Amino acid sequence: MFRPLVSAIVATALLAARPVGAQDRPAEQRQRLLELAYALGESHALRQACEGEGDPYWRARMMRLVQVERPGPTLEAQLRERFNAGFVARRAAYPGCDEAARKAEAQAARHGQALALKLSQSTIQVRREPSAPDSVADGETAR
């Protein structure tokens, strides 16, 4: 239900990532990355409860997040810890697939979507240089 939308938002956040590592992000953005890792861990546990333990969907997204963000060793360890903490919390609360697990999965998806959107918006704003024109019309005309 929410998977395609969250996937699109996460992909947008990843594509908008700056070429510098995550450790160079402001503290607020690093905190959002940690929250996103937790939400991905929750989503992984909830999806596995309903789709089976072999389903790697959200774990693969977490691995891609780490690959794109290129965090330093400390931040990478924190991201993995948050992912695992989210996984353990939801696995304990929802060991099987039922309506409550499906609702929790949708809630985790909405939270992850909001975090990814905030990250992508802040990353896009950081990438823009104040002195650089946004389009050809804003800058010098071609000769």
Protein backbone atom coordinates (compact mmCIF):
# COMPACT_ATOMS: atom_id res chain seq x y z
CA MET A 1 0.00 0.00 0.00
CA PHE A 2 2.60 2.58 1.09
CA ARG A 3 5.66 0.69 -0.18
CA PRO A 4 5.81 2.24 -3.66
CA LEU A 5 5.39 5.76 -2.28
CA VAL A 6 7.99 5.30 0.45
CA SER A 7 10.36 3.68 -2.04
CA ALA A 8 9.99 6.66 -4.34
CA ILE A 9 10.64 9.10 -1.50
CA VAL A 10 13.67 7.15 -0.27
CA ALA A 11 14.98 6.98 -3.84
CA THR A 12 14.53 10.74 -4.15
CA ALA A 13 16.44 11.30 -0.94
CA LEU A 14 19.21 9.01 -2.11
CA LEU A 15 19.44 10.58 -5.56
CA ALA A 16 19.56 14.06 -4.09
CA ALA A 17 22.39 13.10 -1.75
CA ARG A 18 25.40 15.34 -1.85
CA PRO A 19 28.69 13.94 -3.08
CA VAL A 20 30.15 14.39 0.40
CA GLY A 21 29.69 11.83 3.15
CA ALA A 22 26.83 11.77 5.64
CA GLN A 23 29.21 12.69 8.44
CA ASP A 24 29.46 16.14 6.79
CA ARG A 25 25.72 16.71 7.08
CA PRO A 26 24.46 19.05 9.79
CA ALA A 27 23.56 17.35 13.09
CA GLU A 28 19.81 17.68 12.42
CA GLN A 29 20.15 15.79 9.12
CA ARG A 30 22.32 13.09 10.71
CA GLN A 31 19.60 12.64 13.35
CA ARG A 32 17.00 12.25 10.59
CA LEU A 33 19.20 9.64 8.92
CA LEU A 34 19.29 7.73 12.21
CA GLU A 35 15.50 8.00 12.52
CA LEU A 36 15.13 6.81 8.92
CA ALA A 37 17.38 3.83 9.66
CA TYR A 38 15.12 2.95 12.63
CA ALA A 39 11.99 3.25 10.44
CA LEU A 40 13.61 1.03 7.81
CA GLY A 41 14.36 -1.55 10.51
CA GLU A 42 10.75 -1.43 11.70
CA SER A 43 9.51 -1.80 8.14
CA HIS A 44 11.87 -4.72 7.56
CA ALA A 45 10.53 -6.60 10.59
CA LEU A 46 6.90 -5.91 9.73
CA ARG A 47 7.31 -6.87 6.09
CA GLN A 48 9.08 -10.09 7.05
CA ALA A 49 6.27 -10.92 9.46
CA CYS A 50 3.84 -10.88 6.55
CA GLU A 51 6.01 -11.79 3.55
CA GLY A 52 8.43 -14.25 5.13
CA GLU A 53 11.84 -14.15 6.76
CA GLY A 54 13.68 -14.32 3.44
CA ASP A 55 12.27 -11.02 2.20
CA PRO A 56 15.19 -8.54 1.91
CA TYR A 57 13.19 -5.54 0.60
CA TRP A 58 13.82 -2.99 3.39
CA ARG A 59 17.21 -4.38 4.36
CA ALA A 60 18.36 -3.78 0.78
CA ARG A 61 17.09 -0.19 1.03
CA MET A 62 19.10 0.25 4.22
CA MET A 63 22.22 -1.09 2.56
CA ARG A 64 21.69 1.32 -0.34
CA LEU A 65 21.26 4.22 2.10
CA VAL A 66 24.62 3.41 3.69
CA GLN A 67 26.24 3.02 0.27
CA VAL A 68 24.97 6.38 -0.99
CA GLU A 69 25.53 8.35 2.21
CA ARG A 70 29.05 7.00 2.73
CA PRO A 71 29.03 7.60 6.48
CA GLY A 72 32.21 7.42 8.48
CA PRO A 73 32.70 4.35 10.66
CA THR A 74 31.03 5.86 13.73
CA LEU A 75 27.91 7.07 11.92
CA GLU A 76 27.68 3.83 9.94
CA ALA A 77 27.71 1.84 13.18
CA GLN A 78 25.01 4.12 14.59
CA LEU A 79 22.87 3.69 11.46
CA ARG A 80 23.15 -0.08 11.67
CA GLU A 81 22.36 -0.03 15.41
CA ARG A 82 19.23 2.06 14.77
CA PHE A 83 18.11 -0.25 11.95
CA ASN A 84 18.59 -3.28 14.20
CA ALA A 85 16.83 -1.58 17.12
CA GLY A 86 13.81 -0.80 14.92
CA PHE A 87 13.80 -4.38 13.67
CA VAL A 88 13.96 -5.89 17.16
CA ALA A 89 11.28 -3.55 18.54
CA ARG A 90 8.76 -4.39 15.83
CA ARG A 91 9.62 -8.10 15.71
CA ALA A 92 8.91 -8.32 19.45
CA ALA A 93 5.65 -6.39 19.15
CA TYR A 94 4.42 -8.13 15.97
CA PRO A 95 5.80 -11.68 15.71
CA GLY A 96 3.14 -12.66 13.17
CA CYS A 97 1.14 -11.12 10.37
CA ASP A 98 -2.29 -9.81 11.30
CA GLU A 99 -4.31 -6.63 10.82
CA ALA A 100 -2.40 -4.87 13.60
CA ALA A 101 0.92 -5.71 11.90
CA ARG A 102 -0.39 -4.35 8.59
CA LYS A 103 -1.46 -1.12 10.31
CA ALA A 104 1.92 -0.83 12.01
CA GLU A 105 3.61 -1.37 8.65
CA ALA A 106 1.58 1.48 7.12
CA GLN A 107 2.43 3.73 10.08
CA ALA A 108 6.15 2.94 9.79
CA ALA A 109 5.93 3.66 6.05
CA ARG A 110 4.31 7.05 6.64
CA HIS A 111 6.97 7.96 9.20
CA GLY A 112 9.80 6.84 6.89
CA GLN A 113 8.21 8.75 4.03
CA ALA A 114 8.10 11.97 6.07
CA LEU A 115 11.73 11.56 7.15
CA ALA A 116 12.94 10.82 3.62
CA LEU A 117 11.04 13.81 2.27
CA LYS A 118 12.60 16.12 4.87
CA LEU A 119 16.04 14.75 4.05
CA SER A 120 15.57 15.16 0.32
CA GLN A 121 14.28 18.73 0.72
CA SER A 122 17.15 19.75 3.00
CA THR A 123 19.68 18.08 0.71
CA ILE A 124 18.33 19.86 -2.35
CA GLN A 125 18.49 23.19 -0.51
CA VAL A 126 22.08 22.54 0.57
CA ARG A 127 23.13 21.62 -2.98
CA ARG A 128 21.92 24.93 -4.41
CA GLU A 129 24.53 27.62 -4.35
CA PRO A 130 23.05 31.03 -3.53
CA SER A 131 25.10 32.74 -6.24
CA ALA A 132 24.36 30.15 -8.93
CA PRO A 133 21.34 30.73 -11.15
CA ASP A 134 18.57 28.12 -11.03
CA SER A 135 18.07 28.24 -14.77
CA VAL A 136 19.54 29.72 -17.90
CA ALA A 137 16.93 32.47 -17.71
CA ASP A 138 18.30 33.59 -14.34
CA GLY A 139 21.88 33.80 -15.56
CA GLU A 140 23.69 35.24 -18.51
CA THR A 141 22.19 34.59 -21.91
CA ALA A 142 23.99 32.28 -24.27
CA ARG A 143 26.17 33.92 -26.90
